[in-house]
Amino acid sequence: MRKVLKYIIERTYKPVLERYLSKTRWYTYKGISLEIPPGVFHPRFFFSTKFLMNYISHKKLNRQSVLELGAGSGLISIYAARLGAFVTATDINPVAVTYLKKNMASNGVAGTVLQSDLFANLPKKKYNLIVLNPPYYKKDPLSFSDYAWFCGENGEYFQHLFAGLSGYIHHYSAVFMVLCDGCDMEMIRLEAGKRSFRMVCVDTAKAFLEKHYIFEVQQLPCIN
């Protein structure tokens, strides 16, 4: 039944949504107003960003260094900055980076915004908190907008994520990642384990036909 419903939605709702998102739109959530152009992940229609944002709202963010990888429109980064965090927001998409800067300025918050493919252009620094709503569908991205959805045929995004993560965390860092049951969870866990990380589920929620999970990514202790 669930597969049938997904098929119906794919055939009916998705084309309407694509037409709507073909123009720049405004979106407001919890007092944060965002200008979102075509090709940038829109949090109105996808539960994951708001789920992760609401989860970290219970964490101590004031005067904490926060890195958001793949920040998109900037909802989580702006929210963290409003709570007093020192925010660095990155995205591979140059259009997203332009609007990240605009949205931060229009919401009256400061932060560092960088165009970067994960850690490629990010100076080495240890962060108190790293958050990400990653792409997880297994297909090679062909455009900048595709990077919001696709992690590569073999999960290359996660290979690079876990290969570089240790350079940006310290002993007391927290790393939170949101995923849903439509992704290859086993592949992601395997890539984490290859780099001595484990994924611990800390929250779950169901939104329509998908179940979402927030994982804390924990670095395993070195055994000599």
C-alpha atoms as a PDB file:
ATOM      1  CA  MET A   1       0.000   0.000   0.000  1.00  0.00           C
ATOM      2  CA  ARG A   2       2.820   2.367   0.888  1.00  0.00           C
ATOM      3  CA  LYS A   3       4.520   1.761  -2.476  1.00  0.00           C
ATOM      4  CA  VAL A   4       1.249   2.449  -4.279  1.00  0.00           C
ATOM      5  CA  LEU A   5       0.806   5.747  -2.438  1.00  0.00           C
ATOM      6  CA  LYS A   6       4.367   6.771  -3.240  1.00  0.00           C
ATOM      7  CA  TYR A   7       3.779   5.990  -6.906  1.00  0.00           C
ATOM      8  CA  ILE A   8       0.599   8.107  -6.958  1.00  0.00           C
ATOM      9  CA  ILE A   9       2.386  11.010  -5.277  1.00  0.00           C
ATOM     10  CA  GLU A  10       5.289  10.718  -7.705  1.00  0.00           C
ATOM     11  CA  ARG A  11       2.856  11.009 -10.606  1.00  0.00           C
ATOM     12  CA  THR A  12       0.656  13.813  -9.247  1.00  0.00           C
ATOM     13  CA  TYR A  13       2.227  15.881  -6.461  1.00  0.00           C
ATOM     14  CA  LYS A  14       5.806  15.947  -7.725  1.00  0.00           C
ATOM     15  CA  PRO A  15       5.105  17.720 -11.072  1.00  0.00           C
ATOM     16  CA  VAL A  16       3.077  20.393  -9.266  1.00  0.00           C
ATOM     17  CA  LEU A  17       5.844  20.886  -6.726  1.00  0.00           C
ATOM     18  CA  GLU A  18       8.495  21.133  -9.445  1.00  0.00           C
ATOM     19  CA  ARG A  19       6.506  23.875 -11.190  1.00  0.00           C
ATOM     20  CA  TYR A  20       6.115  25.758  -7.905  1.00  0.00           C
ATOM     21  CA  LEU A  21       9.829  25.523  -7.142  1.00  0.00           C
ATOM     22  CA  SER A  22      10.834  26.726 -10.615  1.00  0.00           C
ATOM     23  CA  LYS A  23      10.551  30.307  -9.281  1.00  0.00           C
ATOM     24  CA  THR A  24      12.187  32.059  -6.347  1.00  0.00           C
ATOM     25  CA  ARG A  25       9.885  31.790  -3.321  1.00  0.00           C
ATOM     26  CA  TRP A  26       9.722  33.189   0.194  1.00  0.00           C
ATOM     27  CA  TYR A  27       9.299  30.952   3.227  1.00  0.00           C
ATOM     28  CA  THR A  28       8.975  31.837   6.909  1.00  0.00           C
ATOM     29  CA  TYR A  29       9.441  29.431   9.809  1.00  0.00           C
ATOM     30  CA  LYS A  30       9.701  30.354  13.490  1.00  0.00           C
ATOM     31  CA  GLY A  31      10.276  33.996  12.621  1.00  0.00           C
ATOM     32  CA  ILE A  32      13.027  33.268  10.071  1.00  0.00           C
ATOM     33  CA  SER A  33      12.256  34.545   6.563  1.00  0.00           C
ATOM     34  CA  LEU A  34      14.087  32.903   3.681  1.00  0.00           C
ATOM     35  CA  GLU A  35      14.347  33.740   0.013  1.00  0.00           C
ATOM     36  CA  ILE A  36      14.789  30.438  -1.794  1.00  0.00           C
ATOM     37  CA  PRO A  37      15.697  30.271  -5.502  1.00  0.00           C
ATOM     38  CA  PRO A  38      15.185  27.329  -7.859  1.00  0.00           C
ATOM     39  CA  GLY A  39      17.713  24.564  -7.356  1.00  0.00           C
ATOM     40  CA  VAL A  40      18.102  25.130  -3.597  1.00  0.00           C
ATOM     41  CA  PHE A  41      16.554  22.654  -1.129  1.00  0.00           C
ATOM     42  CA  HIS A  42      13.243  24.075   0.127  1.00  0.00           C
ATOM     43  CA  PRO A  43      12.466  23.236   3.781  1.00  0.00           C
ATOM     44  CA  ARG A  44       8.728  23.962   3.459  1.00  0.00           C
ATOM     45  CA  PHE A  45       8.084  20.738   1.584  1.00  0.00           C
ATOM     46  CA  PHE A  46      10.564  18.416   3.262  1.00  0.00           C
ATOM     47  CA  PHE A  47      10.388  17.486   6.930  1.00  0.00           C
ATOM     48  CA  SER A  48      14.048  16.687   7.528  1.00  0.00           C
ATOM     49  CA  THR A  49      15.449  20.232   7.922  1.00  0.00           C
ATOM     50  CA  LYS A  50      12.817  21.305  10.452  1.00  0.00           C
ATOM     51  CA  PHE A  51      13.187  18.006  12.331  1.00  0.00           C
ATOM     52  CA  LEU A  52      16.934  18.516  12.732  1.00  0.00           C
ATOM     53  CA  MET A  53      16.542  22.192  13.613  1.00  0.00           C
ATOM     54  CA  ASN A  54      14.006  21.464  16.328  1.00  0.00           C
ATOM     55  CA  TYR A  55      16.246  18.727  17.717  1.00  0.00           C
ATOM     56  CA  ILE A  56      19.284  20.967  18.140  1.00  0.00           C
ATOM     57  CA  SER A  57      17.098  23.701  19.671  1.00  0.00           C
ATOM     58  CA  HIS A  58      17.408  21.754  22.934  1.00  0.00           C
ATOM     59  CA  LYS A  59      21.196  21.910  22.845  1.00  0.00           C
ATOM     60  CA  LYS A  60      23.379  24.627  24.330  1.00  0.00           C
ATOM     61  CA  LEU A  61      24.245  26.813  21.338  1.00  0.00           C
ATOM     62  CA  ASN A  62      25.141  30.165  22.870  1.00  0.00           C
ATOM     63  CA  ARG A  63      28.813  30.944  22.141  1.00  0.00           C
ATOM     64  CA  GLN A  64      29.314  27.497  20.622  1.00  0.00           C
ATOM     65  CA  SER A  65      31.049  27.004  17.269  1.00  0.00           C
ATOM     66  CA  VAL A  66      28.612  25.396  14.847  1.00  0.00           C
ATOM     67  CA  LEU A  67      29.276  24.053  11.352  1.00  0.00           C
ATOM     68  CA  GLU A  68      26.422  23.232   8.996  1.00  0.00           C
ATOM     69  CA  LEU A  69      27.491  21.195   5.969  1.00  0.00           C
ATOM     70  CA  GLY A  70      25.199  21.674   2.975  1.00  0.00           C
ATOM     71  CA  ALA A  71      23.257  24.519   4.550  1.00  0.00           C
ATOM     72  CA  GLY A  72      20.999  25.179   1.561  1.00  0.00           C
ATOM     73  CA  SER A  73      18.699  28.126   2.282  1.00  0.00           C
ATOM     74  CA  GLY A  74      20.252  28.581   5.724  1.00  0.00           C
ATOM     75  CA  LEU A  75      17.321  27.823   8.056  1.00  0.00           C
ATOM     76  CA  ILE A  76      19.343  25.823  10.601  1.00  0.00           C
ATOM     77  CA  SER A  77      22.385  28.114  10.454  1.00  0.00           C
ATOM     78  CA  ILE A  78      20.293  31.266  10.954  1.00  0.00           C
ATOM     79  CA  TYR A  79      18.410  29.639  13.823  1.00  0.00           C
ATOM     80  CA  ALA A  80      21.663  28.629  15.530  1.00  0.00           C
ATOM     81  CA  ALA A  81      23.113  32.132  15.030  1.00  0.00           C
ATOM     82  CA  ARG A  82      19.992  33.641  16.616  1.00  0.00           C
ATOM     83  CA  LEU A  83      20.651  31.492  19.669  1.00  0.00           C
ATOM     84  CA  GLY A  84      24.151  32.931  19.947  1.00  0.00           C
ATOM     85  CA  ALA A  85      26.216  30.354  18.067  1.00  0.00           C
ATOM     86  CA  PHE A  86      29.292  31.228  16.008  1.00  0.00           C
ATOM     87  CA  VAL A  87      28.140  29.724  12.729  1.00  0.00           C
ATOM     88  CA  THR A  88      29.957  28.510   9.648  1.00  0.00           C
ATOM     89  CA  ALA A  89      27.626  27.465   6.820  1.00  0.00           C
ATOM     90  CA  THR A  90      28.792  25.719   3.650  1.00  0.00           C
ATOM     91  CA  ASP A  91      27.241  24.543   0.412  1.00  0.00           C
ATOM     92  CA  ILE A  92      28.638  23.220  -2.851  1.00  0.00           C
ATOM     93  CA  ASN A  93      26.009  25.143  -4.857  1.00  0.00           C
ATOM     94  CA  PRO A  94      27.139  28.735  -5.645  1.00  0.00           C
ATOM     95  CA  VAL A  95      23.498  29.855  -5.920  1.00  0.00           C
ATOM     96  CA  ALA A  96      22.822  28.511  -2.422  1.00  0.00           C
ATOM     97  CA  VAL A  97      25.908  30.342  -1.123  1.00  0.00           C
ATOM     98  CA  THR A  98      24.689  33.644  -2.589  1.00  0.00           C
ATOM     99  CA  TYR A  99      21.268  33.264  -0.976  1.00  0.00           C
ATOM    100  CA  LEU A 100      22.753  32.004   2.296  1.00  0.00           C
ATOM    101  CA  LYS A 101      24.557  35.329   2.599  1.00  0.00           C
ATOM    102  CA  LYS A 102      21.426  37.283   1.660  1.00  0.00           C
ATOM    103  CA  ASN A 103      19.239  35.346   4.093  1.00  0.00           C
ATOM    104  CA  MET A 104      21.684  35.762   6.968  1.00  0.00           C
ATOM    105  CA  ALA A 105      21.856  39.516   6.345  1.00  0.00           C
ATOM    106  CA  SER A 106      18.087  39.942   5.990  1.00  0.00           C
ATOM    107  CA  ASN A 107      17.523  38.047   9.258  1.00  0.00           C
ATOM    108  CA  GLY A 108      20.091  40.168  11.089  1.00  0.00           C
ATOM    109  CA  VAL A 109      22.598  37.464  11.963  1.00  0.00           C
ATOM    110  CA  ALA A 110      26.295  37.073  11.266  1.00  0.00           C
ATOM    111  CA  GLY A 111      28.198  33.992  10.187  1.00  0.00           C
ATOM    112  CA  THR A 112      30.819  32.639   7.841  1.00  0.00           C
ATOM    113  CA  VAL A 113      29.495  31.327   4.515  1.00  0.00           C
ATOM    114  CA  LEU A 114      31.719  29.266   2.214  1.00  0.00           C
ATOM    115  CA  GLN A 115      31.272  27.445  -1.063  1.00  0.00           C
ATOM    116  CA  SER A 116      32.741  24.036  -0.387  1.00  0.00           C
ATOM    117  CA  ASP A 117      32.285  20.407  -1.354  1.00  0.00           C
ATOM    118  CA  LEU A 118      32.165  19.088   2.211  1.00  0.00           C
ATOM    119  CA  PHE A 119      35.575  19.971   3.709  1.00  0.00           C
ATOM    120  CA  ALA A 120      37.411  20.832   0.465  1.00  0.00           C
ATOM    121  CA  ASN A 121      37.532  24.632   0.951  1.00  0.00           C
ATOM    122  CA  LEU A 122      37.001  24.672   4.705  1.00  0.00           C
ATOM    123  CA  PRO A 123      39.956  25.806   6.845  1.00  0.00           C
ATOM    124  CA  LYS A 124      40.937  23.318   9.541  1.00  0.00           C
ATOM    125  CA  LYS A 125      39.091  24.129  12.749  1.00  0.00           C
ATOM    126  CA  LYS A 126      37.515  22.081  15.525  1.00  0.00           C
ATOM    127  CA  TYR A 127      33.781  22.731  16.010  1.00  0.00           C
ATOM    128  CA  ASN A 128      31.618  22.145  19.065  1.00  0.00           C
ATOM    129  CA  LEU A 129      28.679  21.083  16.903  1.00  0.00           C
ATOM    130  CA  ILE A 130      28.387  19.863  13.303  1.00  0.00           C
ATOM    131  CA  VAL A 131      24.969  19.332  11.709  1.00  0.00           C
ATOM    132  CA  LEU A 132      23.984  18.067   8.289  1.00  0.00           C
ATOM    133  CA  ASN A 133      20.964  17.037   6.265  1.00  0.00           C
ATOM    134  CA  PRO A 134      22.915  15.088   3.628  1.00  0.00           C
ATOM    135  CA  PRO A 135      22.032  13.897   0.145  1.00  0.00           C
ATOM    136  CA  TYR A 136      21.442  10.151   0.291  1.00  0.00           C
ATOM    137  CA  TYR A 137      19.916   8.883  -2.964  1.00  0.00           C
ATOM    138  CA  LYS A 138      22.425   6.713  -4.829  1.00  0.00           C
ATOM    139  CA  LYS A 139      22.938   8.438  -8.147  1.00  0.00           C
ATOM    140  CA  ASP A 140      25.711  10.612  -9.545  1.00  0.00           C
ATOM    141  CA  PRO A 141      24.828  14.333  -9.361  1.00  0.00           C
ATOM    142  CA  LEU A 142      24.962  16.061 -12.740  1.00  0.00           C
ATOM    143  CA  SER A 143      24.298  19.650 -11.654  1.00  0.00           C
ATOM    144  CA  PHE A 144      24.765  21.797  -8.556  1.00  0.00           C
ATOM    145  CA  SER A 145      21.093  21.381  -7.641  1.00  0.00           C
ATOM    146  CA  ASP A 146      21.517  17.572  -7.843  1.00  0.00           C
ATOM    147  CA  TYR A 147      24.008  17.711  -4.971  1.00  0.00           C
ATOM    148  CA  ALA A 148      21.106  18.389  -2.590  1.00  0.00           C
ATOM    149  CA  TRP A 149      19.721  14.927  -3.380  1.00  0.00           C
ATOM    150  CA  PHE A 150      22.314  12.511  -4.731  1.00  0.00           C
ATOM    151  CA  CYS A 151      25.308  11.038  -2.907  1.00  0.00           C
ATOM    152  CA  GLY A 152      26.912   9.258  -5.876  1.00  0.00           C
ATOM    153  CA  GLU A 153      26.329   5.784  -7.295  1.00  0.00           C
ATOM    154  CA  ASN A 154      28.488   4.235  -4.563  1.00  0.00           C
ATOM    155  CA  GLY A 155      27.817   6.697  -1.761  1.00  0.00           C
ATOM    156  CA  GLU A 156      30.907   8.781  -2.495  1.00  0.00           C
ATOM    157  CA  TYR A 157      29.493  11.678  -0.473  1.00  0.00           C
ATOM    158  CA  PHE A 158      29.600   9.574   2.698  1.00  0.00           C
ATOM    159  CA  GLN A 159      33.050   8.233   1.883  1.00  0.00           C
ATOM    160  CA  HIS A 160      34.352  11.809   1.767  1.00  0.00           C
ATOM    161  CA  LEU A 161      32.315  12.899   4.786  1.00  0.00           C
ATOM    162  CA  PHE A 162      33.711  10.265   7.127  1.00  0.00           C
ATOM    163  CA  ALA A 163      37.208  10.528   5.659  1.00  0.00           C
ATOM    164  CA  GLY A 164      37.407  14.230   6.558  1.00  0.00           C
ATOM    165  CA  LEU A 165      35.245  14.525   9.661  1.00  0.00           C
ATOM    166  CA  SER A 166      37.917  13.762  12.267  1.00  0.00           C
ATOM    167  CA  GLY A 167      39.854  16.898  11.269  1.00  0.00           C
ATOM    168  CA  TYR A 168      36.967  19.129  12.404  1.00  0.00           C
ATOM    169  CA  ILE A 169      35.960  17.644  15.737  1.00  0.00           C
ATOM    170  CA  HIS A 170      37.486  17.449  19.198  1.00  0.00           C
ATOM    171  CA  HIS A 171      36.814  15.120  22.108  1.00  0.00           C
ATOM    172  CA  TYR A 172      33.653  16.981  23.175  1.00  0.00           C
ATOM    173  CA  SER A 173      32.210  17.728  19.724  1.00  0.00           C
ATOM    174  CA  ALA A 174      28.708  16.576  18.774  1.00  0.00           C
ATOM    175  CA  VAL A 175      27.777  15.621  15.201  1.00  0.00           C
ATOM    176  CA  PHE A 176      24.118  15.198  14.233  1.00  0.00           C
ATOM    177  CA  MET A 177      22.881  13.928  10.878  1.00  0.00           C
ATOM    178  CA  VAL A 178      19.281  13.436   9.698  1.00  0.00           C
ATOM    179  CA  LEU A 179      18.362  10.540   7.392  1.00  0.00           C
ATOM    180  CA  CYS A 180      15.164   8.830   6.302  1.00  0.00           C
ATOM    181  CA  ASP A 181      14.147   5.258   5.604  1.00  0.00           C
ATOM    182  CA  GLY A 182      14.456   5.835   1.863  1.00  0.00           C
ATOM    183  CA  CYS A 183      18.250   5.759   2.008  1.00  0.00           C
ATOM    184  CA  ASP A 184      20.779   2.930   2.108  1.00  0.00           C
ATOM    185  CA  MET A 185      21.322   3.009   5.850  1.00  0.00           C
ATOM    186  CA  GLU A 186      23.572  -0.040   5.832  1.00  0.00           C
ATOM    187  CA  MET A 187      25.914   1.548   3.295  1.00  0.00           C
ATOM    188  CA  ILE A 188      26.167   4.728   5.377  1.00  0.00           C
ATOM    189  CA  ARG A 189      26.868   2.752   8.567  1.00  0.00           C
ATOM    190  CA  LEU A 190      29.529   0.766   6.722  1.00  0.00           C
ATOM    191  CA  GLU A 191      31.284   3.918   5.492  1.00  0.00           C
ATOM    192  CA  ALA A 192      31.163   5.350   9.019  1.00  0.00           C
ATOM    193  CA  GLY A 193      32.693   2.185  10.456  1.00  0.00           C
ATOM    194  CA  LYS A 194      35.547   2.213   7.936  1.00  0.00           C
ATOM    195  CA  ARG A 195      36.679   5.526   9.435  1.00  0.00           C
ATOM    196  CA  SER A 196      36.114   4.515  13.075  1.00  0.00           C
ATOM    197  CA  PHE A 197      32.756   6.236  13.517  1.00  0.00           C
ATOM    198  CA  ARG A 198      29.474   4.801  14.682  1.00  0.00           C
ATOM    199  CA  MET A 199      25.936   6.111  14.192  1.00  0.00           C
ATOM    200  CA  VAL A 200      23.647   6.194  17.223  1.00  0.00           C
ATOM    201  CA  CYS A 201      19.973   6.960  16.631  1.00  0.00           C
ATOM    202  CA  VAL A 202      18.881   9.689  19.067  1.00  0.00           C
ATOM    203  CA  ASP A 203      15.443  10.613  17.682  1.00  0.00           C
ATOM    204  CA  THR A 204      12.833   9.405  15.200  1.00  0.00           C
ATOM    205  CA  ALA A 205       9.727  10.928  13.656  1.00  0.00           C
ATOM    206  CA  LYS A 206       7.277   9.979  10.937  1.00  0.00           C
ATOM    207  CA  ALA A 207       6.145  12.485   8.332  1.00  0.00           C
ATOM    208  CA  PHE A 208       3.514  11.209   5.917  1.00  0.00           C
ATOM    209  CA  LEU A 209       5.055   8.180   4.167  1.00  0.00           C
ATOM    210  CA  GLU A 210       8.625   8.477   5.452  1.00  0.00           C
ATOM    211  CA  LYS A 211      10.255   7.799   8.768  1.00  0.00           C
ATOM    212  CA  HIS A 212      13.106  10.130   9.701  1.00  0.00           C
ATOM    213  CA  TYR A 213      16.019   9.489  12.031  1.00  0.00           C
ATOM    214  CA  ILE A 214      18.516  11.759  13.699  1.00  0.00           C
ATOM    215  CA  PHE A 215      21.846  10.068  14.286  1.00  0.00           C
ATOM    216  CA  GLU A 216      24.659  11.212  16.504  1.00  0.00           C
ATOM    217  CA  VAL A 217      27.905  10.360  14.719  1.00  0.00           C
ATOM    218  CA  GLN A 218      30.402   9.279  17.355  1.00  0.00           C
ATOM    219  CA  GLN A 219      34.108   8.731  16.899  1.00  0.00           C
ATOM    220  CA  LEU A 220      35.259   5.412  18.269  1.00  0.00           C
ATOM    221  CA  PRO A 221      38.248   5.447  20.650  1.00  0.00           C
ATOM    222  CA  CYS A 222      41.574   4.384  19.210  1.00  0.00           C
ATOM    223  CA  ILE A 223      42.790   1.016  20.439  1.00  0.00           C
ATOM    224  CA  ASN A 224      46.567   0.674  20.431  1.00  0.00           C
END
